[in-house]
Amino acid sequence: MNRTELTDALARATGMSRGDAALAVEGLFDPRNGVISRALRRRRTVRITGFGSFVPRRREARVGRDPRTGDPIRIPAGTSITFRPGKPLRETLG
């Protein structure tokens, strides 16, 4: 499901106008100014009860391998985001 499909589904499920649904989706998921991304940039976990949690994880610098040459390369430290589904979502998916 892409952003447009999500917006349309939200509008149908809630009776919102498509424009209002687009604003809601944008407000939550926009990579620069969305509620979720702002919290994750502050290294805060975003928990949506019954759905799951978006958790920022710090990865230390490490040595990897260049897949073409096999030479060692330095991979810098960084932050990744993991999603852990909540129990009700896991049970729904089977």
PDB file of N, CA and C in Angstrom:
ATOM      1  N   MET A   1       0.855  -1.168   0.000  1.00  0.00           N
ATOM      2  CA  MET A   1       0.000   0.000   0.000  1.00  0.00           C
ATOM      3  C   MET A   1       0.900   1.230   0.000  1.00  0.00           C
ATOM      4  N   ASN A   2       0.681   2.133  -0.941  1.00  0.00           N
ATOM      5  CA  ASN A   2       1.464   3.363  -0.979  1.00  0.00           C
ATOM      6  C   ASN A   2       0.695   4.499  -0.284  1.00  0.00           C
ATOM      7  N   ARG A   3       1.277   5.679  -0.271  1.00  0.00           N
ATOM      8  CA  ARG A   3       0.688   6.808   0.453  1.00  0.00           C
ATOM      9  C   ARG A   3      -0.694   7.181  -0.085  1.00  0.00           C
ATOM     10  N   THR A   4      -0.846   7.164  -1.402  1.00  0.00           N
ATOM     11  CA  THR A   4      -2.140   7.502  -2.006  1.00  0.00           C
ATOM     12  C   THR A   4      -3.198   6.483  -1.616  1.00  0.00           C
ATOM     13  N   GLU A   5      -2.843   5.213  -1.677  1.00  0.00           N
ATOM     14  CA  GLU A   5      -3.787   4.163  -1.286  1.00  0.00           C
ATOM     15  C   GLU A   5      -4.131   4.258   0.201  1.00  0.00           C
ATOM     16  N   LEU A   6      -3.148   4.577   1.028  1.00  0.00           N
ATOM     17  CA  LEU A   6      -3.393   4.750   2.454  1.00  0.00           C
ATOM     18  C   LEU A   6      -4.334   5.923   2.701  1.00  0.00           C
ATOM     19  N   THR A   7      -4.128   7.017   2.004  1.00  0.00           N
ATOM     20  CA  THR A   7      -5.000   8.184   2.134  1.00  0.00           C
ATOM     21  C   THR A   7      -6.428   7.837   1.735  1.00  0.00           C
ATOM     22  N   ASP A   8      -6.590   7.162   0.610  1.00  0.00           N
ATOM     23  CA  ASP A   8      -7.929   6.770   0.153  1.00  0.00           C
ATOM     24  C   ASP A   8      -8.600   5.824   1.143  1.00  0.00           C
ATOM     25  N   ALA A   9      -7.851   4.861   1.660  1.00  0.00           N
ATOM     26  CA  ALA A   9      -8.404   3.907   2.626  1.00  0.00           C
ATOM     27  C   ALA A   9      -8.817   4.610   3.918  1.00  0.00           C
ATOM     28  N   LEU A  10      -8.006   5.558   4.376  1.00  0.00           N
ATOM     29  CA  LEU A  10      -8.343   6.315   5.583  1.00  0.00           C
ATOM     30  C   LEU A  10      -9.603   7.139   5.368  1.00  0.00           C
ATOM     31  N   ALA A  11      -9.724   7.762   4.218  1.00  0.00           N
ATOM     32  CA  ALA A  11     -10.914   8.559   3.915  1.00  0.00           C
ATOM     33  C   ALA A  11     -12.161   7.678   3.909  1.00  0.00           C
ATOM     34  N   ARG A  12     -12.079   6.511   3.287  1.00  0.00           N
ATOM     35  CA  ARG A  12     -13.238   5.599   3.242  1.00  0.00           C
ATOM     36  C   ARG A  12     -13.582   5.067   4.635  1.00  0.00           C
ATOM     37  N   ALA A  13     -12.556   4.692   5.418  1.00  0.00           N
ATOM     38  CA  ALA A  13     -12.787   4.078   6.729  1.00  0.00           C
ATOM     39  C   ALA A  13     -13.357   5.055   7.750  1.00  0.00           C
ATOM     40  N   THR A  14     -13.010   6.343   7.621  1.00  0.00           N
ATOM     41  CA  THR A  14     -13.421   7.307   8.633  1.00  0.00           C
ATOM     42  C   THR A  14     -14.500   8.268   8.176  1.00  0.00           C
ATOM     43  N   GLY A  15     -14.770   8.330   6.872  1.00  0.00           N
ATOM     44  CA  GLY A  15     -15.724   9.299   6.360  1.00  0.00           C
ATOM     45  C   GLY A  15     -15.116  10.691   6.203  1.00  0.00           C
ATOM     46  N   MET A  16     -13.806  10.794   6.378  1.00  0.00           N
ATOM     47  CA  MET A  16     -13.114  12.074   6.188  1.00  0.00           C
ATOM     48  C   MET A  16     -13.081  12.394   4.697  1.00  0.00           C
ATOM     49  N   SER A  17     -12.915  13.670   4.394  1.00  0.00           N
ATOM     50  CA  SER A  17     -12.679  14.028   3.003  1.00  0.00           C
ATOM     51  C   SER A  17     -11.289  13.515   2.631  1.00  0.00           C
ATOM     52  N   ARG A  18     -11.072  13.348   1.337  1.00  0.00           N
ATOM     53  CA  ARG A  18      -9.762  12.871   0.890  1.00  0.00           C
ATOM     54  C   ARG A  18      -8.674  13.875   1.273  1.00  0.00           C
ATOM     55  N   GLY A  19      -8.979  15.159   1.202  1.00  0.00           N
ATOM     56  CA  GLY A  19      -8.004  16.189   1.564  1.00  0.00           C
ATOM     57  C   GLY A  19      -7.635  16.128   3.034  1.00  0.00           C
ATOM     58  N   ASP A  20      -8.659  15.942   3.902  1.00  0.00           N
ATOM     59  CA  ASP A  20      -8.377  15.828   5.336  1.00  0.00           C
ATOM     60  C   ASP A  20      -7.580  14.557   5.645  1.00  0.00           C
ATOM     61  N   ALA A  21      -7.913  13.469   4.955  1.00  0.00           N
ATOM     62  CA  ALA A  21      -7.174  12.225   5.157  1.00  0.00           C
ATOM     63  C   ALA A  21      -5.721  12.397   4.715  1.00  0.00           C
ATOM     64  N   ALA A  22      -5.504  13.116   3.612  1.00  0.00           N
ATOM     65  CA  ALA A  22      -4.133  13.359   3.138  1.00  0.00           C
ATOM     66  C   ALA A  22      -3.354  14.167   4.165  1.00  0.00           C
ATOM     67  N   LEU A  23      -3.993  15.162   4.770  1.00  0.00           N
ATOM     68  CA  LEU A  23      -3.325  15.953   5.811  1.00  0.00           C
ATOM     69  C   LEU A  23      -2.971  15.092   7.019  1.00  0.00           C
ATOM     70  N   ALA A  24      -3.867  14.182   7.393  1.00  0.00           N
ATOM     71  CA  ALA A  24      -3.615  13.301   8.540  1.00  0.00           C
ATOM     72  C   ALA A  24      -2.438  12.364   8.248  1.00  0.00           C
ATOM     73  N   VAL A  25      -2.425  11.758   7.066  1.00  0.00           N
ATOM     74  CA  VAL A  25      -1.341  10.856   6.693  1.00  0.00           C
ATOM     75  C   VAL A  25      -0.023  11.627   6.643  1.00  0.00           C
ATOM     76  N   GLU A  26      -0.056  12.803   6.023  1.00  0.00           N
ATOM     77  CA  GLU A  26       1.152  13.628   5.927  1.00  0.00           C
ATOM     78  C   GLU A  26       1.643  14.034   7.319  1.00  0.00           C
ATOM     79  N   GLY A  27       0.724  14.402   8.199  1.00  0.00           N
ATOM     80  CA  GLY A  27       1.094  14.815   9.547  1.00  0.00           C
ATOM     81  C   GLY A  27       1.762  13.714  10.348  1.00  0.00           C
ATOM     82  N   LEU A  28       1.391  12.481  10.085  1.00  0.00           N
ATOM     83  CA  LEU A  28       2.004  11.359  10.796  1.00  0.00           C
ATOM     84  C   LEU A  28       3.289  10.874  10.146  1.00  0.00           C
ATOM     85  N   PHE A  29       3.287  10.742   8.824  1.00  0.00           N
ATOM     86  CA  PHE A  29       4.350  10.005   8.152  1.00  0.00           C
ATOM     87  C   PHE A  29       5.335  10.835   7.350  1.00  0.00           C
ATOM     88  N   ASP A  30       5.175  12.143   7.267  1.00  0.00           N
ATOM     89  CA  ASP A  30       6.112  12.945   6.482  1.00  0.00           C
ATOM     90  C   ASP A  30       7.526  12.752   7.027  1.00  0.00           C
ATOM     91  N   PRO A  31       8.502  12.439   6.166  1.00  0.00           N
ATOM     92  CA  PRO A  31       9.854  12.150   6.650  1.00  0.00           C
ATOM     93  C   PRO A  31      10.556  13.338   7.295  1.00  0.00           C
ATOM     94  N   ARG A  32      10.192  14.548   6.945  1.00  0.00           N
ATOM     95  CA  ARG A  32      10.859  15.724   7.518  1.00  0.00           C
ATOM     96  C   ARG A  32      10.114  16.300   8.714  1.00  0.00           C
ATOM     97  N   ASN A  33       8.797  16.415   8.604  1.00  0.00           N
ATOM     98  CA  ASN A  33       8.030  17.114   9.642  1.00  0.00           C
ATOM     99  C   ASN A  33       6.933  16.284  10.271  1.00  0.00           C
ATOM    100  N   GLY A  34       6.855  15.008   9.958  1.00  0.00           N
ATOM    101  CA  GLY A  34       5.807  14.167  10.528  1.00  0.00           C
ATOM    102  C   GLY A  34       6.037  13.905  12.008  1.00  0.00           C
ATOM    103  N   VAL A  35       4.960  13.645  12.693  1.00  0.00           N
ATOM    104  CA  VAL A  35       5.009  13.399  14.140  1.00  0.00           C
ATOM    105  C   VAL A  35       5.937  12.221  14.457  1.00  0.00           C
ATOM    106  N   ILE A  36       5.831  11.152  13.701  1.00  0.00           N
ATOM    107  CA  ILE A  36       6.648   9.967  13.979  1.00  0.00           C
ATOM    108  C   ILE A  36       8.125  10.241  13.729  1.00  0.00           C
ATOM    109  N   SER A  37       8.455  10.846  12.600  1.00  0.00           N
ATOM    110  CA  SER A  37       9.877  11.074  12.295  1.00  0.00           C
ATOM    111  C   SER A  37      10.509  12.083  13.253  1.00  0.00           C
ATOM    112  N   ARG A  38       9.757  13.084  13.692  1.00  0.00           N
ATOM    113  CA  ARG A  38      10.315  14.044  14.663  1.00  0.00           C
ATOM    114  C   ARG A  38      10.662  13.345  15.965  1.00  0.00           C
ATOM    115  N   ALA A  39       9.776  12.467  16.436  1.00  0.00           N
ATOM    116  CA  ALA A  39      10.046  11.744  17.685  1.00  0.00           C
ATOM    117  C   ALA A  39      11.258  10.821  17.518  1.00  0.00           C
ATOM    118  N   LEU A  40      11.349  10.143  16.384  1.00  0.00           N
ATOM    119  CA  LEU A  40      12.472   9.237  16.157  1.00  0.00           C
ATOM    120  C   LEU A  40      13.795   9.988  16.053  1.00  0.00           C
ATOM    121  N   ARG A  41      13.778  11.172  15.462  1.00  0.00           N
ATOM    122  CA  ARG A  41      15.008  11.977  15.396  1.00  0.00           C
ATOM    123  C   ARG A  41      15.478  12.375  16.791  1.00  0.00           C
ATOM    124  N   ARG A  42      14.550  12.515  17.716  1.00  0.00           N
ATOM    125  CA  ARG A  42      14.900  12.826  19.113  1.00  0.00           C
ATOM    126  C   ARG A  42      15.232  11.560  19.894  1.00  0.00           C
ATOM    127  N   ARG A  43      15.345  10.442  19.168  1.00  0.00           N
ATOM    128  CA  ARG A  43      15.667   9.135  19.749  1.00  0.00           C
ATOM    129  C   ARG A  43      14.601   8.654  20.731  1.00  0.00           C
ATOM    130  N   ARG A  44      13.356   8.989  20.442  1.00  0.00           N
ATOM    131  CA  ARG A  44      12.243   8.544  21.278  1.00  0.00           C
ATOM    132  C   ARG A  44      11.510   7.405  20.574  1.00  0.00           C
ATOM    133  N   THR A  45      11.086   6.425  21.338  1.00  0.00           N
ATOM    134  CA  THR A  45      10.294   5.326  20.804  1.00  0.00           C
ATOM    135  C   THR A  45       8.866   5.796  20.593  1.00  0.00           C
ATOM    136  N   VAL A  46       8.256   5.393  19.481  1.00  0.00           N
ATOM    137  CA  VAL A  46       6.864   5.723  19.206  1.00  0.00           C
ATOM    138  C   VAL A  46       6.060   4.441  19.380  1.00  0.00           C
ATOM    139  N   ARG A  47       5.225   4.387  20.421  1.00  0.00           N
ATOM    140  CA  ARG A  47       4.424   3.199  20.722  1.00  0.00           C
ATOM    141  C   ARG A  47       2.971   3.481  20.368  1.00  0.00           C
ATOM    142  N   ILE A  48       2.404   2.634  19.540  1.00  0.00           N
ATOM    143  CA  ILE A  48       0.992   2.722  19.200  1.00  0.00           C
ATOM    144  C   ILE A  48       0.365   1.442  19.744  1.00  0.00           C
ATOM    145  N   THR A  49      -0.313   1.572  20.868  1.00  0.00           N
ATOM    146  CA  THR A  49      -0.841   0.418  21.584  1.00  0.00           C
ATOM    147  C   THR A  49      -1.695  -0.444  20.663  1.00  0.00           C
ATOM    148  N   GLY A  50      -1.429  -1.730  20.659  1.00  0.00           N
ATOM    149  CA  GLY A  50      -2.163  -2.671  19.846  1.00  0.00           C
ATOM    150  C   GLY A  50      -1.617  -2.806  18.437  1.00  0.00           C
ATOM    151  N   PHE A  51      -0.824  -1.839  17.987  1.00  0.00           N
ATOM    152  CA  PHE A  51      -0.270  -1.887  16.641  1.00  0.00           C
ATOM    153  C   PHE A  51       1.204  -2.248  16.679  1.00  0.00           C
ATOM    154  N   GLY A  52       2.012  -1.445  17.383  1.00  0.00           N
ATOM    155  CA  GLY A  52       3.432  -1.746  17.478  1.00  0.00           C
ATOM    156  C   GLY A  52       4.242  -0.534  17.862  1.00  0.00           C
ATOM    157  N   SER A  53       5.561  -0.686  17.818  1.00  0.00           N
ATOM    158  CA  SER A  53       6.486   0.368  18.233  1.00  0.00           C
ATOM    159  C   SER A  53       7.554   0.588  17.170  1.00  0.00           C
ATOM    160  N   PHE A  54       7.842   1.850  16.916  1.00  0.00           N
ATOM    161  CA  PHE A  54       8.972   2.250  16.089  1.00  0.00           C
ATOM    162  C   PHE A  54      10.087   2.608  17.057  1.00  0.00           C
ATOM    163  N   VAL A  55      11.210   1.920  16.958  1.00  0.00           N
ATOM    164  CA  VAL A  55      12.283   2.068  17.933  1.00  0.00           C
ATOM    165  C   VAL A  55      13.573   2.493  17.231  1.00  0.00           C
ATOM    166  N   PRO A  56      14.143   3.653  17.614  1.00  0.00           N
ATOM    167  CA  PRO A  56      15.438   4.027  17.048  1.00  0.00           C
ATOM    168  C   PRO A  56      16.544   3.197  17.705  1.00  0.00           C
ATOM    169  N   ARG A  57      17.444   2.689  16.894  1.00  0.00           N
ATOM    170  CA  ARG A  57      18.556   1.870  17.395  1.00  0.00           C
ATOM    171  C   ARG A  57      19.867   2.471  16.919  1.00  0.00           C
ATOM    172  N   ARG A  58      20.782   2.631  17.835  1.00  0.00           N
ATOM    173  CA  ARG A  58      22.108   3.151  17.506  1.00  0.00           C
ATOM    174  C   ARG A  58      22.987   1.985  17.079  1.00  0.00           C
ATOM    175  N   ARG A  59      23.628   2.119  15.934  1.00  0.00           N
ATOM    176  CA  ARG A  59      24.559   1.099  15.461  1.00  0.00           C
ATOM    177  C   ARG A  59      25.961   1.666  15.554  1.00  0.00           C
ATOM    178  N   GLU A  60      26.851   0.920  16.148  1.00  0.00           N
ATOM    179  CA  GLU A  60      28.244   1.339  16.285  1.00  0.00           C
ATOM    180  C   GLU A  60      28.952   1.215  14.935  1.00  0.00           C
ATOM    181  N   ALA A  61      30.050   1.938  14.798  1.00  0.00           N
ATOM    182  CA  ALA A  61      30.880   1.804  13.601  1.00  0.00           C
ATOM    183  C   ALA A  61      31.430   0.386  13.560  1.00  0.00           C
ATOM    184  N   ARG A  62      31.598  -0.126  12.348  1.00  0.00           N
ATOM    185  CA  ARG A  62      32.086  -1.499  12.223  1.00  0.00           C
ATOM    186  C   ARG A  62      32.824  -1.652  10.894  1.00  0.00           C
ATOM    187  N   VAL A  63      33.477  -2.774  10.756  1.00  0.00           N
ATOM    188  CA  VAL A  63      34.185  -3.079   9.517  1.00  0.00           C
ATOM    189  C   VAL A  63      33.330  -4.058   8.728  1.00  0.00           C
ATOM    190  N   GLY A  64      33.100  -3.744   7.453  1.00  0.00           N
ATOM    191  CA  GLY A  64      32.352  -4.621   6.561  1.00  0.00           C
ATOM    192  C   GLY A  64      33.232  -5.026   5.394  1.00  0.00           C
ATOM    193  N   ARG A  65      32.634  -5.614   4.406  1.00  0.00           N
ATOM    194  CA  ARG A  65      33.364  -6.059   3.213  1.00  0.00           C
ATOM    195  C   ARG A  65      32.721  -5.448   1.973  1.00  0.00           C
ATOM    196  N   ASP A  66      33.571  -4.965   1.079  1.00  0.00           N
ATOM    197  CA  ASP A  66      33.107  -4.485  -0.215  1.00  0.00           C
ATOM    198  C   ASP A  66      32.648  -5.716  -0.995  1.00  0.00           C
ATOM    199  N   PRO A  67      31.370  -5.780  -1.408  1.00  0.00           N
ATOM    200  CA  PRO A  67      30.888  -6.995  -2.070  1.00  0.00           C
ATOM    201  C   PRO A  67      31.556  -7.266  -3.419  1.00  0.00           C
ATOM    202  N   ARG A  68      32.088  -6.240  -4.060  1.00  0.00           N
ATOM    203  CA  ARG A  68      32.737  -6.449  -5.359  1.00  0.00           C
ATOM    204  C   ARG A  68      34.158  -6.984  -5.224  1.00  0.00           C
ATOM    205  N   THR A  69      34.901  -6.405  -4.278  1.00  0.00           N
ATOM    206  CA  THR A  69      36.320  -6.752  -4.179  1.00  0.00           C
ATOM    207  C   THR A  69      36.653  -7.623  -2.975  1.00  0.00           C
ATOM    208  N   GLY A  70      35.775  -7.611  -1.971  1.00  0.00           N
ATOM    209  CA  GLY A  70      36.063  -8.355  -0.754  1.00  0.00           C
ATOM    210  C   GLY A  70      36.955  -7.602   0.209  1.00  0.00           C
ATOM    211  N   ASP A  71      37.376  -6.386  -0.184  1.00  0.00           N
ATOM    212  CA  ASP A  71      38.228  -5.577   0.682  1.00  0.00           C
ATOM    213  C   ASP A  71      37.441  -5.077   1.896  1.00  0.00           C
ATOM    214  N   PRO A  72      38.108  -4.962   3.041  1.00  0.00           N
ATOM    215  CA  PRO A  72      37.421  -4.413   4.206  1.00  0.00           C
ATOM    216  C   PRO A  72      37.132  -2.926   4.010  1.00  0.00           C
ATOM    217  N   ILE A  73      35.963  -2.505   4.466  1.00  0.00           N
ATOM    218  CA  ILE A  73      35.597  -1.085   4.435  1.00  0.00           C
ATOM    219  C   ILE A  73      35.039  -0.709   5.799  1.00  0.00           C
ATOM    220  N   ARG A  74      35.211   0.556   6.142  1.00  0.00           N
ATOM    221  CA  ARG A  74      34.701   1.051   7.418  1.00  0.00           C
ATOM    222  C   ARG A  74      33.271   1.521   7.210  1.00  0.00           C
ATOM    223  N   ILE A  75      32.361   1.018   8.020  1.00  0.00           N
ATOM    224  CA  ILE A  75      30.963   1.442   7.995  1.00  0.00           C
ATOM    225  C   ILE A  75      30.767   2.353   9.199  1.00  0.00           C
ATOM    226  N   PRO A  76      30.375   3.613   8.978  1.00  0.00           N
ATOM    227  CA  PRO A  76      30.269   4.548  10.097  1.00  0.00           C
ATOM    228  C   PRO A  76      29.089   4.223  11.018  1.00  0.00           C
ATOM    229  N   ALA A  77      29.165   4.739  12.241  1.00  0.00           N
ATOM    230  CA  ALA A  77      28.066   4.598  13.187  1.00  0.00           C
ATOM    231  C   ALA A  77      26.844   5.311  12.629  1.00  0.00           C
ATOM    232  N   GLY A  78      25.691   4.872  13.028  1.00  0.00           N
ATOM    233  CA  GLY A  78      24.466   5.499  12.549  1.00  0.00           C
ATOM    234  C   GLY A  78      23.279   5.030  13.360  1.00  0.00           C
ATOM    235  N   THR A  79      22.130   5.530  12.996  1.00  0.00           N
ATOM    236  CA  THR A  79      20.887   5.160  13.663  1.00  0.00           C
ATOM    237  C   THR A  79      19.989   4.471  12.659  1.00  0.00           C
ATOM    238  N   SER A  80      19.406   3.363  13.050  1.00  0.00           N
ATOM    239  CA  SER A  80      18.421   2.681  12.218  1.00  0.00           C
ATOM    240  C   SER A  80      17.111   2.639  12.991  1.00  0.00           C
ATOM    241  N   ILE A  81      16.058   2.374  12.291  1.00  0.00           N
ATOM    242  CA  ILE A  81      14.731   2.309  12.910  1.00  0.00           C
ATOM    243  C   ILE A  81      14.216   0.886  12.760  1.00  0.00           C
ATOM    244  N   THR A  82      13.739   0.311  13.853  1.00  0.00           N
ATOM    245  CA  THR A  82      13.124  -1.003  13.795  1.00  0.00           C
ATOM    246  C   THR A  82      11.652  -0.865  14.159  1.00  0.00           C
ATOM    247  N   PHE A  83      10.854  -1.766  13.648  1.00  0.00           N
ATOM    248  CA  PHE A  83       9.439  -1.811  14.003  1.00  0.00           C
ATOM    249  C   PHE A  83       9.177  -3.132  14.680  1.00  0.00           C
ATOM    250  N   ARG A  84       8.568  -3.063  15.858  1.00  0.00           N
ATOM    251  CA  ARG A  84       8.182  -4.271  16.574  1.00  0.00           C
ATOM    252  C   ARG A  84       6.662  -4.302  16.636  1.00  0.00           C
ATOM    253  N   PRO A  85       6.031  -5.265  15.984  1.00  0.00           N
ATOM    254  CA  PRO A  85       4.570  -5.314  16.025  1.00  0.00           C
ATOM    255  C   PRO A  85       4.066  -5.645  17.425  1.00  0.00           C
ATOM    256  N   GLY A  86       2.931  -5.056  17.777  1.00  0.00           N
ATOM    257  CA  GLY A  86       2.299  -5.348  19.059  1.00  0.00           C
ATOM    258  C   GLY A  86       1.613  -6.705  19.020  1.00  0.00           C
ATOM    259  N   LYS A  87       1.280  -7.227  20.168  1.00  0.00           N
ATOM    260  CA  LYS A  87       0.682  -8.552  20.261  1.00  0.00           C
ATOM    261  C   LYS A  87      -0.625  -8.659  19.473  1.00  0.00           C
ATOM    262  N   PRO A  88      -1.552  -7.694  19.577  1.00  0.00           N
ATOM    263  CA  PRO A  88      -2.784  -7.820  18.788  1.00  0.00           C
ATOM    264  C   PRO A  88      -2.521  -7.865  17.277  1.00  0.00           C
ATOM    265  N   LEU A  89      -1.572  -7.104  16.792  1.00  0.00           N
ATOM    266  CA  LEU A  89      -1.234  -7.137  15.359  1.00  0.00           C
ATOM    267  C   LEU A  89      -0.629  -8.487  14.987  1.00  0.00           C
ATOM    268  N   ARG A  90       0.278  -8.995  15.809  1.00  0.00           N
ATOM    269  CA  ARG A  90       0.871 -10.321  15.544  1.00  0.00           C
ATOM    270  C   ARG A  90      -0.198 -11.398  15.498  1.00  0.00           C
ATOM    271  N   GLU A  91      -1.148 -11.329  16.434  1.00  0.00           N
ATOM    272  CA  GLU A  91      -2.211 -12.335  16.478  1.00  0.00           C
ATOM    273  C   GLU A  91      -3.122 -12.224  15.261  1.00  0.00           C
ATOM    274  N   THR A  92      -3.378 -11.010  14.795  1.00  0.00           N
ATOM    275  CA  THR A  92      -4.220 -10.805  13.624  1.00  0.00           C
ATOM    276  C   THR A  92      -3.564 -11.362  12.380  1.00  0.00           C
ATOM    277  N   LEU A  93      -2.251 -11.211  12.282  1.00  0.00           N
ATOM    278  CA  LEU A  93      -1.533 -11.669  11.100  1.00  0.00           C
ATOM    279  C   LEU A  93      -1.278 -13.175  11.116  1.00  0.00           C
ATOM    280  N   GLY A  94      -1.418 -13.761  12.288  1.00  0.00           N
ATOM    281  CA  GLY A  94      -1.259 -15.205  12.397  1.00  0.00           C
ATOM    282  C   GLY A  94       0.099 -15.636  12.553  1.00  0.00           C
TER     283      GLY A  94
END
